[in-house]
Amino acid sequence: MATIIEIDISTLYKDTETAKLSMIEDYIQKAKDMAGEGKEVVLTGAGPIWLYLKVAHALHGLAKKLIYRSPVTGDVVIFDHSPE
């Protein structure tokens, strides 16, 4: 079974009240550090869509599978590169 890493997007900018576009590289690095490599990653939590998109793009090639988890839609698979 794959290791599942859950990243709450709001924790990437927890030091400020709102996410700042000028801090995007820091947020991306934090997400990469949390995700590791070759794992299933779930993105959840409050955050601006631009941050979700940038993080998802940055994790492509690192994560084996990326899922967006929403209280409204449930799990939405963004990509799945697992051989299963």
PDB file of N, CA and C in Angstrom:
ATOM      1  N   MET A   1       0.848  -1.190   0.000  1.00  0.00           N
ATOM      2  CA  MET A   1       0.000   0.000   0.000  1.00  0.00           C
ATOM      3  C   MET A   1       0.889   1.248   0.000  1.00  0.00           C
ATOM      4  N   ALA A   2       0.470   2.231  -0.766  1.00  0.00           N
ATOM      5  CA  ALA A   2       1.252   3.456  -0.913  1.00  0.00           C
ATOM      6  C   ALA A   2       1.191   4.313   0.352  1.00  0.00           C
ATOM      7  N   THR A   3       2.281   5.013   0.587  1.00  0.00           N
ATOM      8  CA  THR A   3       2.298   5.995   1.668  1.00  0.00           C
ATOM      9  C   THR A   3       1.481   7.194   1.239  1.00  0.00           C
ATOM     10  N   ILE A   4       0.569   7.638   2.100  1.00  0.00           N
ATOM     11  CA  ILE A   4      -0.291   8.780   1.781  1.00  0.00           C
ATOM     12  C   ILE A   4       0.137   9.979   2.619  1.00  0.00           C
ATOM     13  N   ILE A   5       0.422  11.074   1.937  1.00  0.00           N
ATOM     14  CA  ILE A   5       0.815  12.324   2.580  1.00  0.00           C
ATOM     15  C   ILE A   5      -0.308  13.331   2.358  1.00  0.00           C
ATOM     16  N   GLU A   6      -0.839  13.890   3.428  1.00  0.00           N
ATOM     17  CA  GLU A   6      -1.885  14.910   3.304  1.00  0.00           C
ATOM     18  C   GLU A   6      -1.278  16.283   3.567  1.00  0.00           C
ATOM     19  N   ILE A   7      -1.471  17.168   2.624  1.00  0.00           N
ATOM     20  CA  ILE A   7      -0.972  18.540   2.750  1.00  0.00           C
ATOM     21  C   ILE A   7      -2.160  19.487   2.824  1.00  0.00           C
ATOM     22  N   ASP A   8      -2.304  20.133   3.961  1.00  0.00           N
ATOM     23  CA  ASP A   8      -3.314  21.177   4.122  1.00  0.00           C
ATOM     24  C   ASP A   8      -2.693  22.455   3.576  1.00  0.00           C
ATOM     25  N   ILE A   9      -3.221  22.923   2.466  1.00  0.00           N
ATOM     26  CA  ILE A   9      -2.658  24.084   1.775  1.00  0.00           C
ATOM     27  C   ILE A   9      -2.516  25.290   2.697  1.00  0.00           C
ATOM     28  N   SER A  10      -3.446  25.469   3.623  1.00  0.00           N
ATOM     29  CA  SER A  10      -3.387  26.634   4.517  1.00  0.00           C
ATOM     30  C   SER A  10      -2.167  26.617   5.425  1.00  0.00           C
ATOM     31  N   THR A  11      -1.582  25.445   5.656  1.00  0.00           N
ATOM     32  CA  THR A  11      -0.385  25.386   6.505  1.00  0.00           C
ATOM     33  C   THR A  11       0.839  25.941   5.795  1.00  0.00           C
ATOM     34  N   LEU A  12       0.790  26.038   4.472  1.00  0.00           N
ATOM     35  CA  LEU A  12       1.936  26.566   3.724  1.00  0.00           C
ATOM     36  C   LEU A  12       2.146  28.048   3.992  1.00  0.00           C
ATOM     37  N   TYR A  13       1.058  28.744   4.322  1.00  0.00           N
ATOM     38  CA  TYR A  13       1.161  30.186   4.589  1.00  0.00           C
ATOM     39  C   TYR A  13       0.670  30.524   5.995  1.00  0.00           C
ATOM     40  N   LYS A  14       0.871  29.612   6.930  1.00  0.00           N
ATOM     41  CA  LYS A  14       0.356  29.787   8.290  1.00  0.00           C
ATOM     42  C   LYS A  14       0.975  30.981   9.026  1.00  0.00           C
ATOM     43  N   ASP A  15       2.129  31.461   8.579  1.00  0.00           N
ATOM     44  CA  ASP A  15       2.783  32.590   9.240  1.00  0.00           C
ATOM     45  C   ASP A  15       2.174  33.940   8.863  1.00  0.00           C
ATOM     46  N   THR A  16       1.335  33.943   7.832  1.00  0.00           N
ATOM     47  CA  THR A  16       0.672  35.174   7.408  1.00  0.00           C
ATOM     48  C   THR A  16      -0.834  34.918   7.356  1.00  0.00           C
ATOM     49  N   GLU A  17      -1.607  35.971   7.381  1.00  0.00           N
ATOM     50  CA  GLU A  17      -3.061  35.819   7.376  1.00  0.00           C
ATOM     51  C   GLU A  17      -3.588  35.281   6.048  1.00  0.00           C
ATOM     52  N   THR A  18      -2.951  35.704   4.962  1.00  0.00           N
ATOM     53  CA  THR A  18      -3.346  35.243   3.630  1.00  0.00           C
ATOM     54  C   THR A  18      -2.102  34.831   2.850  1.00  0.00           C
ATOM     55  N   ALA A  19      -2.320  34.021   1.831  1.00  0.00           N
ATOM     56  CA  ALA A  19      -1.209  33.613   0.972  1.00  0.00           C
ATOM     57  C   ALA A  19      -0.736  34.818   0.160  1.00  0.00           C
ATOM     58  N   LYS A  20       0.564  34.910  -0.023  1.00  0.00           N
ATOM     59  CA  LYS A  20       1.168  36.021  -0.772  1.00  0.00           C
ATOM     60  C   LYS A  20       1.844  35.468  -2.029  1.00  0.00           C
ATOM     61  N   LEU A  21       1.481  36.007  -3.169  1.00  0.00           N
ATOM     62  CA  LEU A  21       2.070  35.553  -4.421  1.00  0.00           C
ATOM     63  C   LEU A  21       3.591  35.717  -4.404  1.00  0.00           C
ATOM     64  N   SER A  22       4.067  36.728  -3.722  1.00  0.00           N
ATOM     65  CA  SER A  22       5.512  36.958  -3.643  1.00  0.00           C
ATOM     66  C   SER A  22       6.241  35.837  -2.881  1.00  0.00           C
ATOM     67  N   MET A  23       5.498  35.007  -2.165  1.00  0.00           N
ATOM     68  CA  MET A  23       6.082  33.908  -1.383  1.00  0.00           C
ATOM     69  C   MET A  23       5.898  32.543  -2.052  1.00  0.00           C
ATOM     70  N   ILE A  24       5.463  32.531  -3.306  1.00  0.00           N
ATOM     71  CA  ILE A  24       5.104  31.282  -3.978  1.00  0.00           C
ATOM     72  C   ILE A  24       6.226  30.254  -3.968  1.00  0.00           C
ATOM     73  N   GLU A  25       7.456  30.669  -4.197  1.00  0.00           N
ATOM     74  CA  GLU A  25       8.569  29.704  -4.228  1.00  0.00           C
ATOM     75  C   GLU A  25       8.759  29.037  -2.866  1.00  0.00           C
ATOM     76  N   ASP A  26       8.565  29.787  -1.791  1.00  0.00           N
ATOM     77  CA  ASP A  26       8.652  29.205  -0.444  1.00  0.00           C
ATOM     78  C   ASP A  26       7.545  28.185  -0.224  1.00  0.00           C
ATOM     79  N   TYR A  27       6.325  28.504  -0.647  1.00  0.00           N
ATOM     80  CA  TYR A  27       5.204  27.586  -0.484  1.00  0.00           C
ATOM     81  C   TYR A  27       5.436  26.301  -1.276  1.00  0.00           C
ATOM     82  N   ILE A  28       5.920  26.450  -2.493  1.00  0.00           N
ATOM     83  CA  ILE A  28       6.186  25.281  -3.326  1.00  0.00           C
ATOM     84  C   ILE A  28       7.252  24.400  -2.688  1.00  0.00           C
ATOM     85  N   GLN A  29       8.309  25.000  -2.182  1.00  0.00           N
ATOM     86  CA  GLN A  29       9.369  24.209  -1.546  1.00  0.00           C
ATOM     87  C   GLN A  29       8.848  23.479  -0.313  1.00  0.00           C
ATOM     88  N   LYS A  30       8.025  24.147   0.489  1.00  0.00           N
ATOM     89  CA  LYS A  30       7.427  23.495   1.660  1.00  0.00           C
ATOM     90  C   LYS A  30       6.596  22.292   1.239  1.00  0.00           C
ATOM     91  N   ALA A  31       5.781  22.463   0.195  1.00  0.00           N
ATOM     92  CA  ALA A  31       4.940  21.369  -0.287  1.00  0.00           C
ATOM     93  C   ALA A  31       5.783  20.207  -0.801  1.00  0.00           C
ATOM     94  N   LYS A  32       6.846  20.509  -1.544  1.00  0.00           N
ATOM     95  CA  LYS A  32       7.735  19.460  -2.038  1.00  0.00           C
ATOM     96  C   LYS A  32       8.399  18.711  -0.885  1.00  0.00           C
ATOM     97  N   ASP A  33       8.838  19.455   0.116  1.00  0.00           N
ATOM     98  CA  ASP A  33       9.468  18.830   1.281  1.00  0.00           C
ATOM     99  C   ASP A  33       8.485  17.915   2.006  1.00  0.00           C
ATOM    100  N   MET A  34       7.250  18.351   2.124  1.00  0.00           N
ATOM    101  CA  MET A  34       6.230  17.544   2.796  1.00  0.00           C
ATOM    102  C   MET A  34       5.871  16.303   1.977  1.00  0.00           C
ATOM    103  N   ALA A  35       5.799  16.451   0.663  1.00  0.00           N
ATOM    104  CA  ALA A  35       5.352  15.367  -0.212  1.00  0.00           C
ATOM    105  C   ALA A  35       6.383  14.261  -0.363  1.00  0.00           C
ATOM    106  N   GLY A  36       7.650  14.627  -0.366  1.00  0.00           N
ATOM    107  CA  GLY A  36       8.661  13.621  -0.644  1.00  0.00           C
ATOM    108  C   GLY A  36       8.569  13.179  -2.093  1.00  0.00           C
ATOM    109  N   GLU A  37       9.010  11.951  -2.352  1.00  0.00           N
ATOM    110  CA  GLU A  37       9.015  11.462  -3.726  1.00  0.00           C
ATOM    111  C   GLU A  37       8.374  10.083  -3.808  1.00  0.00           C
ATOM    112  N   GLY A  38       7.544   9.906  -4.835  1.00  0.00           N
ATOM    113  CA  GLY A  38       6.945   8.608  -5.106  1.00  0.00           C
ATOM    114  C   GLY A  38       5.794   8.222  -4.196  1.00  0.00           C
ATOM    115  N   LYS A  39       5.176   9.193  -3.565  1.00  0.00           N
ATOM    116  CA  LYS A  39       4.078   8.905  -2.640  1.00  0.00           C
ATOM    117  C   LYS A  39       2.752   9.399  -3.204  1.00  0.00           C
ATOM    118  N   GLU A  40       1.677   8.956  -2.584  1.00  0.00           N
ATOM    119  CA  GLU A  40       0.350   9.469  -2.890  1.00  0.00           C
ATOM    120  C   GLU A  40       0.151  10.718  -2.043  1.00  0.00           C
ATOM    121  N   VAL A  41      -0.214  11.822  -2.684  1.00  0.00           N
ATOM    122  CA  VAL A  41      -0.354  13.096  -1.990  1.00  0.00           C
ATOM    123  C   VAL A  41      -1.794  13.587  -2.117  1.00  0.00           C
ATOM    124  N   VAL A  42      -2.334  14.038  -0.996  1.00  0.00           N
ATOM    125  CA  VAL A  42      -3.679  14.604  -0.958  1.00  0.00           C
ATOM    126  C   VAL A  42      -3.551  16.077  -0.597  1.00  0.00           C
ATOM    127  N   LEU A  43      -4.092  16.947  -1.448  1.00  0.00           N
ATOM    128  CA  LEU A  43      -4.138  18.380  -1.163  1.00  0.00           C
ATOM    129  C   LEU A  43      -5.525  18.720  -0.632  1.00  0.00           C
ATOM    130  N   THR A  44      -5.570  19.432   0.460  1.00  0.00           N
ATOM    131  CA  THR A  44      -6.828  19.798   1.086  1.00  0.00           C
ATOM    132  C   THR A  44      -6.668  21.124   1.805  1.00  0.00           C
ATOM    133  N   GLY A  45      -7.736  21.624   2.392  1.00  0.00           N
ATOM    134  CA  GLY A  45      -7.671  22.834   3.194  1.00  0.00           C
ATOM    135  C   GLY A  45      -7.960  24.103   2.415  1.00  0.00           C
ATOM    136  N   ALA A  46      -8.116  25.176   3.173  1.00  0.00           N
ATOM    137  CA  ALA A  46      -8.427  26.481   2.576  1.00  0.00           C
ATOM    138  C   ALA A  46      -7.196  27.067   1.912  1.00  0.00           C
ATOM    139  N   GLY A  47      -7.408  27.660   0.761  1.00  0.00           N
ATOM    140  CA  GLY A  47      -6.305  28.314   0.065  1.00  0.00           C
ATOM    141  C   GLY A  47      -6.760  28.834  -1.280  1.00  0.00           C
ATOM    142  N   PRO A  48      -6.029  29.783  -1.826  1.00  0.00           N
ATOM    143  CA  PRO A  48      -6.390  30.333  -3.139  1.00  0.00           C
ATOM    144  C   PRO A  48      -6.124  29.317  -4.247  1.00  0.00           C
ATOM    145  N   ILE A  49      -6.929  29.383  -5.280  1.00  0.00           N
ATOM    146  CA  ILE A  49      -6.801  28.430  -6.386  1.00  0.00           C
ATOM    147  C   ILE A  49      -5.429  28.504  -7.040  1.00  0.00           C
ATOM    148  N   TRP A  50      -4.846  29.700  -7.130  1.00  0.00           N
ATOM    149  CA  TRP A  50      -3.529  29.814  -7.756  1.00  0.00           C
ATOM    150  C   TRP A  50      -2.487  29.018  -6.982  1.00  0.00           C
ATOM    151  N   LEU A  51      -2.631  28.937  -5.666  1.00  0.00           N
ATOM    152  CA  LEU A  51      -1.674  28.181  -4.863  1.00  0.00           C
ATOM    153  C   LEU A  51      -1.871  26.686  -5.085  1.00  0.00           C
ATOM    154  N   TYR A  52      -3.115  26.243  -5.119  1.00  0.00           N
ATOM    155  CA  TYR A  52      -3.392  24.833  -5.434  1.00  0.00           C
ATOM    156  C   TYR A  52      -2.794  24.451  -6.784  1.00  0.00           C
ATOM    157  N   LEU A  53      -3.001  25.298  -7.788  1.00  0.00           N
ATOM    158  CA  LEU A  53      -2.513  24.987  -9.132  1.00  0.00           C
ATOM    159  C   LEU A  53      -0.992  24.929  -9.188  1.00  0.00           C
ATOM    160  N   LYS A  54      -0.329  25.891  -8.564  1.00  0.00           N
ATOM    161  CA  LYS A  54       1.137  25.918  -8.576  1.00  0.00           C
ATOM    162  C   LYS A  54       1.714  24.715  -7.828  1.00  0.00           C
ATOM    163  N   VAL A  55       1.121  24.368  -6.697  1.00  0.00           N
ATOM    164  CA  VAL A  55       1.601  23.215  -5.930  1.00  0.00           C
ATOM    165  C   VAL A  55       1.366  21.926  -6.723  1.00  0.00           C
ATOM    166  N   ALA A  56       0.190  21.784  -7.314  1.00  0.00           N
ATOM    167  CA  ALA A  56      -0.091  20.587  -8.114  1.00  0.00           C
ATOM    168  C   ALA A  56       0.904  20.451  -9.258  1.00  0.00           C
ATOM    169  N   HIS A  57       1.185  21.541  -9.927  1.00  0.00           N
ATOM    170  CA  HIS A  57       2.151  21.515 -11.029  1.00  0.00           C
ATOM    171  C   HIS A  57       3.549  21.122 -10.525  1.00  0.00           C
ATOM    172  N   ALA A  58       3.942  21.667  -9.391  1.00  0.00           N
ATOM    173  CA  ALA A  58       5.267  21.383  -8.833  1.00  0.00           C
ATOM    174  C   ALA A  58       5.405  19.932  -8.384  1.00  0.00           C
ATOM    175  N   LEU A  59       4.296  19.315  -7.980  1.00  0.00           N
ATOM    176  CA  LEU A  59       4.355  17.929  -7.497  1.00  0.00           C
ATOM    177  C   LEU A  59       4.291  16.906  -8.623  1.00  0.00           C
ATOM    178  N   HIS A  60       3.949  17.356  -9.828  1.00  0.00           N
ATOM    179  CA  HIS A  60       3.929  16.435 -10.960  1.00  0.00           C
ATOM    180  C   HIS A  60       5.355  15.976 -11.239  1.00  0.00           C
ATOM    181  N   GLY A  61       5.554  14.688 -11.269  1.00  0.00           N
ATOM    182  CA  GLY A  61       6.896  14.136 -11.435  1.00  0.00           C
ATOM    183  C   GLY A  61       7.518  13.732 -10.107  1.00  0.00           C
ATOM    184  N   LEU A  62       7.001  14.236  -9.004  1.00  0.00           N
ATOM    185  CA  LEU A  62       7.467  13.831  -7.668  1.00  0.00           C
ATOM    186  C   LEU A  62       6.496  12.848  -7.028  1.00  0.00           C
ATOM    187  N   ALA A  63       5.224  13.197  -7.049  1.00  0.00           N
ATOM    188  CA  ALA A  63       4.206  12.346  -6.443  1.00  0.00           C
ATOM    189  C   ALA A  63       3.797  11.257  -7.421  1.00  0.00           C
ATOM    190  N   LYS A  64       3.491  10.088  -6.881  1.00  0.00           N
ATOM    191  CA  LYS A  64       2.984   9.005  -7.720  1.00  0.00           C
ATOM    192  C   LYS A  64       1.519   9.263  -8.089  1.00  0.00           C
ATOM    193  N   LYS A  65       0.785   9.847  -7.129  1.00  0.00           N
ATOM    194  CA  LYS A  65      -0.630  10.129  -7.335  1.00  0.00           C
ATOM    195  C   LYS A  65      -0.965  11.407  -6.585  1.00  0.00           C
ATOM    196  N   LEU A  66      -1.763  12.269  -7.192  1.00  0.00           N
ATOM    197  CA  LEU A  66      -2.173  13.508  -6.541  1.00  0.00           C
ATOM    198  C   LEU A  66      -3.700  13.569  -6.516  1.00  0.00           C
ATOM    199  N   ILE A  67      -4.225  13.838  -5.327  1.00  0.00           N
ATOM    200  CA  ILE A  67      -5.669  13.902  -5.115  1.00  0.00           C
ATOM    201  C   ILE A  67      -6.007  15.253  -4.498  1.00  0.00           C
ATOM    202  N   TYR A  68      -7.098  15.839  -4.971  1.00  0.00           N
ATOM    203  CA  TYR A  68      -7.669  17.036  -4.345  1.00  0.00           C
ATOM    204  C   TYR A  68      -8.842  16.564  -3.501  1.00  0.00           C
ATOM    205  N   ARG A  69      -8.848  16.917  -2.230  1.00  0.00           N
ATOM    206  CA  ARG A  69      -9.924  16.498  -1.327  1.00  0.00           C
ATOM    207  C   ARG A  69     -10.739  17.718  -0.924  1.00  0.00           C
ATOM    208  N   SER A  70     -12.025  17.664  -1.243  1.00  0.00           N
ATOM    209  CA  SER A  70     -12.940  18.769  -0.950  1.00  0.00           C
ATOM    210  C   SER A  70     -14.115  18.246  -0.126  1.00  0.00           C
ATOM    211  N   PRO A  71     -14.593  19.052   0.828  1.00  0.00           N
ATOM    212  CA  PRO A  71     -15.768  18.623   1.582  1.00  0.00           C
ATOM    213  C   PRO A  71     -17.020  18.569   0.701  1.00  0.00           C
ATOM    214  N   VAL A  72     -16.993  19.258  -0.426  1.00  0.00           N
ATOM    215  CA  VAL A  72     -18.148  19.282  -1.326  1.00  0.00           C
ATOM    216  C   VAL A  72     -18.108  18.124  -2.318  1.00  0.00           C
ATOM    217  N   THR A  73     -16.958  17.940  -2.973  1.00  0.00           N
ATOM    218  CA  THR A  73     -16.871  16.935  -4.044  1.00  0.00           C
ATOM    219  C   THR A  73     -16.296  15.610  -3.586  1.00  0.00           C
ATOM    220  N   GLY A  74     -15.650  15.592  -2.438  1.00  0.00           N
ATOM    221  CA  GLY A  74     -14.916  14.396  -2.035  1.00  0.00           C
ATOM    222  C   GLY A  74     -13.568  14.381  -2.728  1.00  0.00           C
ATOM    223  N   ASP A  75     -13.027  13.203  -2.960  1.00  0.00           N
ATOM    224  CA  ASP A  75     -11.712  13.081  -3.594  1.00  0.00           C
ATOM    225  C   ASP A  75     -11.815  13.187  -5.112  1.00  0.00           C
ATOM    226  N   VAL A  76     -10.919  13.993  -5.681  1.00  0.00           N
ATOM    227  CA  VAL A  76     -10.806  14.135  -7.142  1.00  0.00           C
ATOM    228  C   VAL A  76      -9.365  13.819  -7.497  1.00  0.00           C
ATOM    229  N   VAL A  77      -9.151  12.805  -8.314  1.00  0.00           N
ATOM    230  CA  VAL A  77      -7.792  12.439  -8.726  1.00  0.00           C
ATOM    231  C   VAL A  77      -7.325  13.437  -9.783  1.00  0.00           C
ATOM    232  N   ILE A  78      -6.192  14.079  -9.509  1.00  0.00           N
ATOM    233  CA  ILE A  78      -5.609  15.048 -10.437  1.00  0.00           C
ATOM    234  C   ILE A  78      -4.699  14.329 -11.420  1.00  0.00           C
ATOM    235  N   PHE A  79      -3.843  13.443 -10.901  1.00  0.00           N
ATOM    236  CA  PHE A  79      -3.073  12.543 -11.756  1.00  0.00           C
ATOM    237  C   PHE A  79      -2.743  11.292 -10.969  1.00  0.00           C
ATOM    238  N   ASP A  80      -2.510  10.215 -11.723  1.00  0.00           N
ATOM    239  CA  ASP A  80      -2.175   8.925 -11.107  1.00  0.00           C
ATOM    240  C   ASP A  80      -1.173   8.225 -12.020  1.00  0.00           C
ATOM    241  N   HIS A  81       0.075   8.158 -11.571  1.00  0.00           N
ATOM    242  CA  HIS A  81       1.134   7.522 -12.337  1.00  0.00           C
ATOM    243  C   HIS A  81       1.541   6.179 -11.728  1.00  0.00           C
ATOM    244  N   SER A  82       0.681   5.635 -10.884  1.00  0.00           N
ATOM    245  CA  SER A  82       0.996   4.345 -10.277  1.00  0.00           C
ATOM    246  C   SER A  82       0.766   3.234 -11.301  1.00  0.00           C
ATOM    247  N   PRO A  83       1.623   2.234 -11.284  1.00  0.00           N
ATOM    248  CA  PRO A  83       1.496   1.156 -12.269  1.00  0.00           C
ATOM    249  C   PRO A  83       0.310   0.226 -12.017  1.00  0.00           C
ATOM    250  N   GLU A  84      -0.305   0.312 -10.837  1.00  0.00           N
ATOM    251  CA  GLU A  84      -1.424  -0.573 -10.502  1.00  0.00           C
ATOM    252  C   GLU A  84      -2.640  -0.256 -11.322  1.00  0.00           C
TER     253      GLU A  84
END
